[in-house]
């Protein structure tokens, strides 16, 4: 998908068919795979990422403990995890998310995710900023496709560190 840009104005790219959450949706819930034992700092990274979207949309996001009932289901997985989009290990595909109203949001468990601090100061050579990737994937959950504008949050690639 490409953005249609002219005279400095870009039209946002959407998934084919422009899938959306039901009309009037103002709140979406999210939950973490119950098999995860995520610490509070990691959960806060996701809360921060959702907050970024709340600032620029009319949607708010609320964490719920009901994974089955959540609109957005978040989990860290390795290799083939049953959705037809297997992960490939360190630094290939970092994450993927499905369009509305599917709501699945998966991250590659084998990545060197940076939760606290500046990724550029990490001692890990393959460090990836979890919040940056989460903001990007939430865009997909909201129905946005990739941008052709390098540096845009919906640009399809990111460098480590």
N, C-alpha and C. Protein backbone atom coordinates (compact mmCIF):
# COMPACT_ATOMS: atom_id res chain seq x y z
N UNK A 1 0.83 -1.18 0.00
CA UNK A 1 0.00 0.00 0.00
C UNK A 1 0.87 1.23 0.00
N UNK A 2 0.46 2.23 -0.70
CA UNK A 2 1.21 3.47 -0.75
C UNK A 2 0.32 4.62 -0.34
N UNK A 3 0.96 5.61 0.27
CA UNK A 3 0.24 6.84 0.55
C UNK A 3 0.17 7.64 -0.74
N UNK A 4 -0.91 8.36 -0.93
CA UNK A 4 -1.02 9.27 -2.05
C UNK A 4 -0.67 10.65 -1.54
N UNK A 5 0.53 11.11 -1.85
CA UNK A 5 0.99 12.39 -1.33
C UNK A 5 1.17 13.39 -2.47
N UNK A 6 0.69 14.58 -2.26
CA UNK A 6 0.92 15.66 -3.22
C UNK A 6 0.90 16.98 -2.47
N UNK A 7 1.76 17.87 -2.86
CA UNK A 7 1.85 19.20 -2.24
C UNK A 7 1.98 19.11 -0.72
N UNK A 8 2.76 18.13 -0.25
CA UNK A 8 2.99 18.01 1.18
C UNK A 8 1.86 17.39 1.97
N UNK A 9 0.77 17.01 1.33
CA UNK A 9 -0.36 16.39 2.03
C UNK A 9 -0.41 14.92 1.69
N UNK A 10 -0.54 14.10 2.68
CA UNK A 10 -0.58 12.65 2.47
C UNK A 10 -1.92 12.10 2.93
N UNK A 11 -2.46 11.22 2.12
CA UNK A 11 -3.69 10.52 2.47
C UNK A 11 -3.28 9.21 3.14
N UNK A 12 -3.85 8.92 4.25
CA UNK A 12 -3.51 7.72 5.00
C UNK A 12 -3.90 6.48 4.23
N UNK A 13 -3.03 5.47 4.27
CA UNK A 13 -3.31 4.19 3.64
C UNK A 13 -4.05 3.30 4.62
N UNK A 14 -5.06 2.62 4.14
CA UNK A 14 -5.85 1.70 4.95
C UNK A 14 -5.68 0.29 4.41
N UNK A 15 -6.08 -0.69 5.20
CA UNK A 15 -6.13 -2.04 4.70
C UNK A 15 -7.16 -2.12 3.57
N UNK A 16 -6.99 -3.10 2.66
CA UNK A 16 -7.99 -3.25 1.59
C UNK A 16 -9.40 -3.39 2.17
N UNK A 17 -10.33 -2.70 1.58
CA UNK A 17 -11.72 -2.72 2.03
C UNK A 17 -12.00 -1.77 3.19
N UNK A 18 -10.97 -1.11 3.67
CA UNK A 18 -11.09 -0.16 4.78
C UNK A 18 -11.86 -0.72 5.97
N UNK A 19 -11.39 -1.85 6.54
CA UNK A 19 -12.09 -2.40 7.70
C UNK A 19 -12.05 -1.42 8.87
N UNK A 20 -13.13 -1.37 9.61
CA UNK A 20 -13.25 -0.45 10.74
C UNK A 20 -13.94 -1.14 11.90
N UNK A 21 -13.77 -0.56 13.06
CA UNK A 21 -14.53 -1.00 14.22
C UNK A 21 -15.95 -0.49 14.03
N UNK A 22 -16.94 -1.09 14.67
CA UNK A 22 -18.34 -0.67 14.46
C UNK A 22 -18.53 0.83 14.69
N UNK A 23 -19.41 1.41 13.91
CA UNK A 23 -19.72 2.83 14.03
C UNK A 23 -20.09 3.14 15.48
N UNK A 24 -19.59 4.25 15.94
CA UNK A 24 -19.90 4.68 17.31
C UNK A 24 -18.96 4.11 18.36
N UNK A 25 -18.00 3.26 17.95
CA UNK A 25 -17.05 2.71 18.92
C UNK A 25 -16.21 3.84 19.49
N UNK A 26 -16.23 3.98 20.78
CA UNK A 26 -15.46 5.02 21.46
C UNK A 26 -14.42 4.44 22.40
N UNK A 27 -14.62 3.18 22.82
CA UNK A 27 -13.69 2.52 23.72
C UNK A 27 -13.41 1.12 23.19
N UNK A 28 -12.13 0.77 23.16
CA UNK A 28 -11.71 -0.59 22.84
C UNK A 28 -10.97 -1.14 24.04
N UNK A 29 -11.20 -2.41 24.32
CA UNK A 29 -10.52 -3.04 25.43
C UNK A 29 -9.34 -3.85 24.89
N UNK A 30 -8.34 -3.99 25.73
CA UNK A 30 -7.21 -4.83 25.36
C UNK A 30 -6.81 -5.70 26.55
N UNK A 31 -6.25 -6.86 26.23
CA UNK A 31 -5.80 -7.79 27.27
C UNK A 31 -4.58 -8.53 26.77
N UNK A 32 -3.81 -9.02 27.72
CA UNK A 32 -2.60 -9.78 27.41
C UNK A 32 -2.88 -11.26 27.52
N UNK A 33 -2.25 -12.03 26.65
CA UNK A 33 -2.38 -13.48 26.68
C UNK A 33 -2.15 -13.94 28.12
N UNK A 34 -3.08 -14.71 28.68
CA UNK A 34 -2.95 -15.13 30.08
C UNK A 34 -1.73 -16.01 30.33
N UNK A 35 -1.13 -16.55 29.29
CA UNK A 35 0.09 -17.34 29.46
C UNK A 35 1.32 -16.47 29.66
N UNK A 36 1.15 -15.17 29.43
CA UNK A 36 2.26 -14.23 29.64
C UNK A 36 2.29 -13.84 31.11
N UNK A 37 3.46 -13.61 31.61
CA UNK A 37 3.62 -13.08 32.95
C UNK A 37 4.33 -11.74 32.82
N UNK A 38 3.67 -10.81 32.18
CA UNK A 38 4.29 -9.51 31.92
C UNK A 38 4.36 -8.69 33.19
N UNK A 39 5.48 -8.01 33.36
CA UNK A 39 5.63 -7.15 34.52
C UNK A 39 4.91 -5.82 34.28
N UNK A 40 4.77 -5.04 35.34
CA UNK A 40 4.04 -3.77 35.25
C UNK A 40 4.70 -2.80 34.29
N UNK A 41 6.03 -2.80 34.22
CA UNK A 41 6.74 -1.89 33.31
C UNK A 41 6.40 -2.19 31.85
N UNK A 42 6.32 -3.47 31.51
CA UNK A 42 5.98 -3.86 30.14
C UNK A 42 4.53 -3.48 29.83
N UNK A 43 3.64 -3.73 30.76
CA UNK A 43 2.24 -3.36 30.55
C UNK A 43 2.10 -1.84 30.41
N UNK A 44 2.92 -1.09 31.12
CA UNK A 44 2.87 0.37 31.02
C UNK A 44 3.30 0.85 29.64
N UNK A 45 4.24 0.14 29.02
CA UNK A 45 4.66 0.49 27.66
C UNK A 45 3.45 0.42 26.72
N UNK A 46 2.65 -0.62 26.85
CA UNK A 46 1.46 -0.74 26.00
C UNK A 46 0.45 0.34 26.33
N UNK A 47 0.25 0.64 27.61
CA UNK A 47 -0.66 1.72 27.99
C UNK A 47 -0.21 3.03 27.37
N UNK A 48 1.09 3.29 27.37
CA UNK A 48 1.63 4.51 26.75
C UNK A 48 1.36 4.52 25.25
N UNK A 49 1.55 3.38 24.60
CA UNK A 49 1.33 3.30 23.15
C UNK A 49 -0.15 3.54 22.82
N UNK A 50 -1.04 2.93 23.58
CA UNK A 50 -2.47 3.17 23.35
C UNK A 50 -2.82 4.63 23.61
N UNK A 51 -2.20 5.23 24.60
CA UNK A 51 -2.45 6.64 24.90
C UNK A 51 -2.05 7.54 23.73
N UNK A 52 -1.00 7.17 23.01
CA UNK A 52 -0.60 7.97 21.84
C UNK A 52 -1.73 8.02 20.81
N UNK A 53 -2.40 6.90 20.62
CA UNK A 53 -3.52 6.86 19.67
C UNK A 53 -4.75 7.58 20.22
N UNK A 54 -4.96 7.52 21.52
CA UNK A 54 -6.09 8.24 22.13
C UNK A 54 -5.96 9.74 21.93
N UNK A 55 -4.74 10.23 21.86
CA UNK A 55 -4.50 11.66 21.67
C UNK A 55 -4.91 12.14 20.28
N UNK A 56 -4.89 11.25 19.29
CA UNK A 56 -5.13 11.67 17.91
C UNK A 56 -6.37 11.02 17.29
N UNK A 57 -7.13 10.28 18.10
CA UNK A 57 -8.38 9.67 17.64
C UNK A 57 -9.46 9.96 18.66
N UNK A 58 -10.65 9.52 18.38
CA UNK A 58 -11.75 9.66 19.35
C UNK A 58 -11.92 8.40 20.18
N UNK A 59 -10.95 7.50 20.09
CA UNK A 59 -11.04 6.21 20.78
C UNK A 59 -10.18 6.21 22.03
N UNK A 60 -10.71 5.64 23.09
CA UNK A 60 -9.92 5.38 24.30
C UNK A 60 -9.74 3.88 24.41
N UNK A 61 -8.71 3.50 25.13
CA UNK A 61 -8.35 2.10 25.28
C UNK A 61 -8.29 1.76 26.76
N UNK A 62 -8.88 0.64 27.13
CA UNK A 62 -8.94 0.23 28.52
C UNK A 62 -8.45 -1.21 28.64
N UNK A 63 -7.51 -1.44 29.57
CA UNK A 63 -7.06 -2.80 29.81
C UNK A 63 -8.14 -3.57 30.55
N UNK A 64 -8.31 -4.82 30.18
CA UNK A 64 -9.24 -5.72 30.84
C UNK A 64 -8.52 -7.01 31.19
N UNK A 65 -9.01 -7.71 32.17
CA UNK A 65 -8.42 -9.01 32.52
C UNK A 65 -9.06 -10.14 31.72
N UNK A 66 -10.12 -9.83 30.99
CA UNK A 66 -10.81 -10.85 30.20
C UNK A 66 -10.19 -10.94 28.80
N UNK A 67 -9.24 -11.85 28.65
CA UNK A 67 -8.58 -12.02 27.36
C UNK A 67 -9.58 -12.42 26.28
N UNK A 68 -10.44 -13.36 26.58
CA UNK A 68 -11.42 -13.83 25.59
C UNK A 68 -12.37 -12.73 25.17
N UNK A 69 -12.73 -11.83 26.08
CA UNK A 69 -13.69 -10.78 25.78
C UNK A 69 -13.08 -9.49 25.26
N UNK A 70 -11.76 -9.40 25.24
CA UNK A 70 -11.09 -8.17 24.82
C UNK A 70 -11.21 -7.94 23.32
N UNK A 71 -11.28 -6.69 22.94
CA UNK A 71 -11.28 -6.33 21.51
C UNK A 71 -9.91 -6.58 20.90
N UNK A 72 -8.86 -6.27 21.66
CA UNK A 72 -7.48 -6.40 21.19
C UNK A 72 -6.78 -7.39 22.11
N UNK A 73 -6.19 -8.42 21.49
CA UNK A 73 -5.55 -9.50 22.25
C UNK A 73 -4.06 -9.49 21.94
N UNK A 74 -3.24 -9.23 22.98
CA UNK A 74 -1.80 -9.03 22.82
C UNK A 74 -1.04 -10.22 23.38
N UNK A 75 -0.05 -10.69 22.61
CA UNK A 75 0.80 -11.77 23.10
C UNK A 75 2.15 -11.79 22.42
N UNK A 76 3.12 -12.37 23.12
CA UNK A 76 4.47 -12.58 22.58
C UNK A 76 4.59 -14.05 22.22
N UNK A 77 5.03 -14.33 20.99
CA UNK A 77 5.08 -15.70 20.50
C UNK A 77 6.37 -15.94 19.72
N UNK A 78 6.70 -17.20 19.53
CA UNK A 78 7.87 -17.59 18.75
C UNK A 78 7.43 -18.48 17.61
N UNK A 79 8.14 -18.38 16.49
CA UNK A 79 7.92 -19.27 15.35
C UNK A 79 6.47 -19.34 14.92
N UNK A 80 6.05 -20.54 14.55
CA UNK A 80 4.66 -20.75 14.12
C UNK A 80 3.78 -20.77 15.36
N UNK A 81 2.88 -19.82 15.43
CA UNK A 81 2.00 -19.72 16.60
C UNK A 81 0.53 -19.78 16.23
N UNK A 82 0.24 -20.37 15.04
CA UNK A 82 -1.12 -20.72 14.69
C UNK A 82 -1.94 -19.69 13.94
N UNK A 83 -1.35 -18.59 13.49
CA UNK A 83 -2.14 -17.60 12.77
C UNK A 83 -1.73 -17.45 11.30
N UNK A 84 -0.86 -18.34 10.83
CA UNK A 84 -0.42 -18.29 9.44
C UNK A 84 0.67 -17.27 9.18
N UNK A 85 1.14 -16.60 10.22
CA UNK A 85 2.19 -15.58 10.11
C UNK A 85 3.30 -15.92 11.11
N UNK A 86 4.11 -16.95 10.84
CA UNK A 86 5.13 -17.36 11.81
C UNK A 86 6.22 -16.30 11.98
N UNK A 87 6.77 -16.24 13.18
CA UNK A 87 7.89 -15.34 13.43
C UNK A 87 9.18 -16.03 13.05
N UNK A 88 10.20 -15.23 12.72
CA UNK A 88 11.43 -15.75 12.14
C UNK A 88 12.67 -15.53 12.99
N UNK A 89 12.52 -15.23 14.25
CA UNK A 89 13.68 -15.03 15.11
C UNK A 89 14.11 -13.58 15.15
N UNK A 90 15.27 -13.36 15.72
CA UNK A 90 15.77 -12.01 15.95
C UNK A 90 15.87 -11.20 14.66
N UNK A 91 15.29 -10.02 14.73
CA UNK A 91 15.32 -8.98 13.71
C UNK A 91 14.65 -9.33 12.40
N UNK A 92 13.85 -10.11 12.18
CA UNK A 92 13.12 -10.23 10.93
C UNK A 92 11.81 -9.50 11.10
N UNK A 93 10.75 -10.26 11.14
CA UNK A 93 9.44 -9.70 11.44
C UNK A 93 9.36 -9.51 12.95
N UNK A 94 9.18 -8.27 13.38
CA UNK A 94 9.16 -7.96 14.81
C UNK A 94 7.80 -8.24 15.43
N UNK A 95 6.75 -7.95 14.66
CA UNK A 95 5.38 -8.05 15.18
C UNK A 95 4.42 -8.01 14.00
N UNK A 96 3.18 -8.35 14.28
CA UNK A 96 2.11 -8.16 13.30
C UNK A 96 0.78 -8.04 14.04
N UNK A 97 -0.12 -7.33 13.41
CA UNK A 97 -1.45 -7.16 13.99
C UNK A 97 -2.47 -7.25 12.87
N UNK A 98 -3.65 -7.66 13.23
CA UNK A 98 -4.71 -7.87 12.25
C UNK A 98 -5.69 -6.70 12.30
N UNK A 99 -6.31 -6.46 11.18
CA UNK A 99 -7.22 -5.32 11.03
C UNK A 99 -8.50 -5.50 11.84
N UNK A 100 -9.26 -4.41 11.97
CA UNK A 100 -10.55 -4.49 12.66
C UNK A 100 -11.43 -5.53 11.97
N UNK A 101 -12.18 -6.21 12.66
CA UNK A 101 -12.41 -6.29 14.08
C UNK A 101 -11.73 -7.51 14.70
N UNK A 102 -10.73 -8.03 13.99
CA UNK A 102 -9.99 -9.20 14.46
C UNK A 102 -9.29 -8.90 15.78
N UNK A 103 -8.46 -7.87 15.80
CA UNK A 103 -7.85 -7.41 17.04
C UNK A 103 -6.65 -8.19 17.56
N UNK A 104 -6.16 -9.20 16.84
CA UNK A 104 -4.98 -9.91 17.32
C UNK A 104 -3.73 -9.06 17.09
N UNK A 105 -2.85 -9.04 18.08
CA UNK A 105 -1.66 -8.20 18.09
C UNK A 105 -0.53 -9.06 18.66
N UNK A 106 0.38 -9.52 17.79
CA UNK A 106 1.41 -10.48 18.17
C UNK A 106 2.80 -9.88 18.02
N UNK A 107 3.67 -10.18 18.96
CA UNK A 107 5.05 -9.73 18.93
C UNK A 107 5.98 -10.93 19.00
N UNK A 108 7.13 -10.82 18.34
CA UNK A 108 8.10 -11.91 18.32
C UNK A 108 8.82 -11.97 19.67
N UNK A 109 8.63 -13.05 20.36
CA UNK A 109 9.20 -13.25 21.69
C UNK A 109 10.72 -13.25 21.68
N UNK A 110 11.33 -13.58 20.54
CA UNK A 110 12.79 -13.70 20.49
C UNK A 110 13.52 -12.37 20.32
N UNK A 111 12.78 -11.28 20.13
CA UNK A 111 13.43 -9.97 19.97
C UNK A 111 14.00 -9.47 21.29
N UNK A 112 14.98 -8.59 21.19
CA UNK A 112 15.56 -7.93 22.36
C UNK A 112 14.78 -6.64 22.60
N UNK A 113 13.62 -6.77 23.21
CA UNK A 113 12.73 -5.64 23.44
C UNK A 113 13.27 -4.73 24.55
N UNK A 114 13.29 -3.43 24.28
CA UNK A 114 13.66 -2.46 25.29
C UNK A 114 12.39 -1.88 25.87
N UNK A 115 12.22 -2.05 27.17
CA UNK A 115 11.02 -1.60 27.86
C UNK A 115 11.29 -0.29 28.59
N UNK A 116 12.41 -0.20 29.25
CA UNK A 116 12.77 0.99 30.02
C UNK A 116 13.99 1.65 29.41
N UNK A 117 13.95 2.96 29.28
CA UNK A 117 15.12 3.69 28.82
C UNK A 117 15.18 3.88 27.33
N UNK A 118 16.24 4.50 26.90
CA UNK A 118 16.46 4.85 25.51
C UNK A 118 17.09 3.68 24.77
N UNK A 119 16.46 3.24 23.71
CA UNK A 119 16.95 2.10 22.94
C UNK A 119 18.35 2.37 22.40
N UNK A 120 18.68 3.64 22.13
CA UNK A 120 20.00 3.98 21.59
C UNK A 120 21.09 3.80 22.63
N UNK A 121 20.73 3.75 23.89
CA UNK A 121 21.71 3.57 24.96
C UNK A 121 21.79 2.11 25.42
N UNK A 122 21.05 1.25 24.78
CA UNK A 122 21.04 -0.15 25.17
C UNK A 122 22.36 -0.81 24.80
N UNK A 123 22.79 -1.74 25.64
CA UNK A 123 24.01 -2.51 25.35
C UNK A 123 23.71 -3.65 24.37
N UNK A 124 22.45 -3.88 24.09
CA UNK A 124 22.05 -4.95 23.16
C UNK A 124 22.17 -4.46 21.72
N UNK A 125 22.91 -5.18 20.90
CA UNK A 125 23.11 -4.74 19.52
C UNK A 125 21.84 -4.85 18.68
N UNK A 126 20.92 -5.69 19.11
CA UNK A 126 19.66 -5.88 18.37
C UNK A 126 18.47 -5.27 19.10
N UNK A 127 18.71 -4.26 19.93
CA UNK A 127 17.66 -3.67 20.75
C UNK A 127 16.56 -3.06 19.90
N UNK A 128 15.32 -3.33 20.27
CA UNK A 128 14.14 -2.80 19.59
C UNK A 128 13.25 -2.11 20.62
N UNK A 129 12.81 -0.92 20.31
CA UNK A 129 11.95 -0.13 21.20
C UNK A 129 10.53 -0.70 21.16
N UNK A 130 10.11 -1.31 22.25
CA UNK A 130 8.80 -1.94 22.32
C UNK A 130 7.68 -0.93 22.11
N UNK A 131 7.79 0.25 22.71
CA UNK A 131 6.71 1.23 22.57
C UNK A 131 6.53 1.68 21.12
N UNK A 132 7.63 1.91 20.42
CA UNK A 132 7.55 2.33 19.02
C UNK A 132 6.83 1.28 18.19
N UNK A 133 7.22 0.02 18.37
CA UNK A 133 6.58 -1.07 17.61
C UNK A 133 5.12 -1.21 18.01
N UNK A 134 4.82 -1.07 19.29
CA UNK A 134 3.43 -1.18 19.74
C UNK A 134 2.56 -0.09 19.12
N UNK A 135 3.06 1.13 19.05
CA UNK A 135 2.28 2.22 18.43
C UNK A 135 1.98 1.87 16.97
N UNK A 136 2.98 1.36 16.27
CA UNK A 136 2.81 0.97 14.87
C UNK A 136 1.75 -0.12 14.73
N UNK A 137 1.85 -1.16 15.53
CA UNK A 137 0.90 -2.28 15.42
C UNK A 137 -0.51 -1.88 15.82
N UNK A 138 -0.64 -0.98 16.77
CA UNK A 138 -1.98 -0.48 17.12
C UNK A 138 -2.59 0.23 15.92
N UNK A 139 -1.78 0.91 15.14
CA UNK A 139 -2.28 1.51 13.90
C UNK A 139 -2.94 0.47 13.01
N UNK A 140 -2.32 -0.70 12.91
CA UNK A 140 -2.93 -1.79 12.12
C UNK A 140 -4.24 -2.25 12.73
N UNK A 141 -4.27 -2.40 14.05
CA UNK A 141 -5.50 -2.81 14.73
C UNK A 141 -6.62 -1.81 14.47
N UNK A 142 -6.25 -0.55 14.25
CA UNK A 142 -7.24 0.48 13.95
C UNK A 142 -7.60 0.54 12.46
N UNK A 143 -6.93 -0.26 11.64
CA UNK A 143 -7.26 -0.34 10.22
C UNK A 143 -6.28 0.33 9.28
N UNK A 144 -5.18 0.87 9.81
CA UNK A 144 -4.21 1.54 8.96
C UNK A 144 -3.25 0.55 8.32
N UNK A 145 -2.93 0.82 7.07
CA UNK A 145 -1.92 0.04 6.37
C UNK A 145 -0.57 0.72 6.53
N UNK A 146 0.40 0.28 5.75
CA UNK A 146 1.74 0.87 5.82
C UNK A 146 1.82 2.17 5.03
N UNK A 147 2.70 3.02 5.49
CA UNK A 147 2.98 4.29 4.83
C UNK A 147 4.25 4.13 4.00
N UNK A 148 4.33 4.85 2.92
CA UNK A 148 5.55 4.87 2.11
C UNK A 148 6.45 6.03 2.55
N UNK A 149 6.03 6.77 3.55
CA UNK A 149 6.79 7.92 4.03
C UNK A 149 7.77 7.45 5.11
N UNK A 150 9.07 7.44 4.78
CA UNK A 150 10.07 7.01 5.74
C UNK A 150 10.03 7.93 6.96
N UNK A 151 10.05 7.34 8.13
CA UNK A 151 9.96 8.11 9.36
C UNK A 151 8.55 8.18 9.92
N UNK A 152 7.54 7.85 9.12
CA UNK A 152 6.16 7.82 9.61
C UNK A 152 5.98 6.61 10.52
N UNK A 153 5.13 6.72 11.51
CA UNK A 153 4.93 5.61 12.45
C UNK A 153 4.42 4.36 11.72
N UNK A 154 3.75 4.52 10.59
CA UNK A 154 3.24 3.36 9.86
C UNK A 154 4.19 2.90 8.74
N UNK A 155 5.41 3.44 8.72
CA UNK A 155 6.42 2.93 7.77
C UNK A 155 6.72 1.48 8.15
N UNK A 156 6.89 0.57 7.17
CA UNK A 156 6.94 -0.85 7.49
C UNK A 156 8.23 -1.38 8.10
N UNK A 157 9.29 -0.60 8.17
CA UNK A 157 10.53 -1.12 8.74
C UNK A 157 11.09 -0.17 9.79
N UNK A 158 11.90 -0.75 10.67
CA UNK A 158 12.58 -0.01 11.73
C UNK A 158 13.96 -0.64 11.90
N UNK A 159 14.92 0.17 12.24
CA UNK A 159 16.26 -0.35 12.50
C UNK A 159 16.43 -0.62 13.98
N UNK A 160 17.29 -1.59 14.30
CA UNK A 160 17.61 -1.81 15.71
C UNK A 160 18.42 -0.62 16.21
N UNK A 161 18.37 -0.41 17.52
CA UNK A 161 19.03 0.72 18.17
C UNK A 161 18.65 2.03 17.52
